[in-house]
Amino acid sequence: YDSGHDNIHGKKISVVLSYCDKDLGWLSNYLEGFDVNKVTIISKCNKDPQKENLSLAPSITVNILDLPNVGRCDHSYAYYMTHLLEEEDDGYNESTH
């Protein structure tokens, strides 16, 4: 089974997380080996994800957005795709993706 995981190495990626109150200490290890330019954390439970404790590379932009706790994580990702994705200027080129 080829998950396609290797196909994204060497490409800049953005990561979107739906967050409530769990520890995000795993994030830096998970992103190791990827060229991450931005992490967007959508906080759903009025909790601060403590950006300074994420241990991410200084070159990674971290944006935190507070949304009401409705719709579970699906709402977070739908909101990102319909309201924020178009605003991103990550050099996306439809002909190459």
Protein backbone atom coordinates (compact mmCIF):
# COMPACT_ATOMS: atom_id res chain seq x y z
CA TYR A 1 0.00 0.00 0.00
CA ASP A 2 1.45 3.35 -1.04
CA SER A 3 0.04 6.08 1.18
CA GLY A 4 1.56 8.80 -0.98
CA HIS A 5 3.47 10.03 2.07
CA ASP A 6 6.78 10.12 0.18
CA ASN A 7 5.27 12.26 -2.58
CA ILE A 8 5.08 15.35 -0.36
CA HIS A 9 8.71 15.34 0.77
CA GLY A 10 10.53 18.30 -0.72
CA LYS A 11 7.34 20.32 -1.15
CA LYS A 12 6.26 23.15 1.12
CA ILE A 13 3.18 22.20 3.10
CA SER A 14 0.71 23.88 5.41
CA VAL A 15 -0.84 22.00 8.31
CA VAL A 16 -4.30 22.63 9.79
CA LEU A 17 -5.25 21.31 13.23
CA SER A 18 -8.59 21.34 14.98
CA TYR A 19 -7.76 21.86 18.65
CA CYS A 20 -9.70 21.68 21.90
CA ASP A 21 -7.55 20.96 24.94
CA LYS A 22 -5.12 18.10 24.31
CA ASP A 23 -1.35 18.45 24.45
CA LEU A 24 0.22 19.29 21.08
CA GLY A 25 3.69 18.12 22.09
CA TRP A 26 3.55 15.41 19.41
CA LEU A 27 3.37 17.95 16.59
CA SER A 28 7.06 18.77 16.19
CA ASN A 29 8.00 15.06 15.96
CA TYR A 30 5.21 14.41 13.47
CA LEU A 31 6.33 17.24 11.19
CA GLU A 32 9.99 16.19 11.25
CA GLY A 33 11.37 15.78 7.74
CA PHE A 34 8.71 17.93 6.07
CA ASP A 35 9.16 21.44 4.72
CA VAL A 36 6.36 23.09 6.69
CA ASN A 37 5.82 26.78 6.11
CA LYS A 38 2.62 27.28 8.13
CA VAL A 39 0.60 25.66 10.90
CA THR A 40 -2.96 26.86 11.44
CA ILE A 41 -4.51 25.83 14.74
CA ILE A 42 -8.27 26.22 14.94
CA SER A 43 -9.11 26.35 18.64
CA LYS A 44 -12.64 25.19 19.38
CA CYS A 45 -12.89 25.20 23.19
CA ASN A 46 -11.72 28.67 24.23
CA LYS A 47 -8.36 27.17 25.21
CA ASP A 48 -4.96 28.61 24.36
CA PRO A 49 -2.83 25.98 22.57
CA GLN A 50 0.28 27.74 23.96
CA LYS A 51 2.09 28.45 20.73
CA GLU A 52 5.38 28.96 22.57
CA ASN A 53 5.31 25.33 23.78
CA LEU A 54 4.95 23.74 20.35
CA SER A 55 8.72 23.43 19.79
CA LEU A 56 8.42 24.16 16.08
CA ALA A 57 11.17 25.61 13.94
CA PRO A 58 11.27 29.42 14.03
CA SER A 59 10.74 29.50 10.25
CA ILE A 60 7.24 28.00 10.64
CA THR A 61 4.44 30.55 10.86
CA VAL A 62 1.84 29.57 13.46
CA ASN A 63 -1.65 31.08 13.22
CA ILE A 64 -4.29 30.48 15.88
CA LEU A 65 -7.95 31.04 15.11
CA ASP A 66 -10.74 30.78 17.69
CA LEU A 67 -14.05 29.33 16.51
CA PRO A 68 -17.15 28.24 18.41
CA ASN A 69 -17.19 24.60 19.47
CA VAL A 70 -19.72 23.41 16.89
CA GLY A 71 -19.50 20.70 14.26
CA ARG A 72 -16.51 18.90 15.77
CA CYS A 73 -13.30 18.79 13.70
CA ASP A 74 -15.22 18.58 10.41
CA HIS A 75 -16.47 22.12 10.93
CA SER A 76 -12.90 23.33 11.48
CA TYR A 77 -11.62 21.87 8.22
CA ALA A 78 -14.66 23.01 6.23
CA TYR A 79 -14.25 26.52 7.65
CA TYR A 80 -10.57 26.52 6.70
CA MET A 81 -11.28 25.37 3.15
CA THR A 82 -14.12 27.83 2.54
CA HIS A 83 -12.82 30.91 4.38
CA LEU A 84 -9.04 30.74 4.72
CA LEU A 85 -7.60 28.58 1.96
CA GLU A 86 -8.16 31.19 -0.74
CA GLU A 87 -6.33 33.78 1.37
CA GLU A 88 -3.17 31.70 1.50
CA ASP A 89 -0.44 32.63 -0.91
CA ASP A 90 1.78 29.58 -0.79
CA GLY A 91 2.70 29.55 -4.45
CA TYR A 92 -0.01 27.00 -5.23
CA ASN A 93 -0.22 26.26 -8.92
CA GLU A 94 -3.17 24.18 -10.11
CA SER A 95 -1.29 22.91 -13.13
CA THR A 96 1.32 21.22 -10.94
CA HIS A 97 -0.90 19.88 -8.14
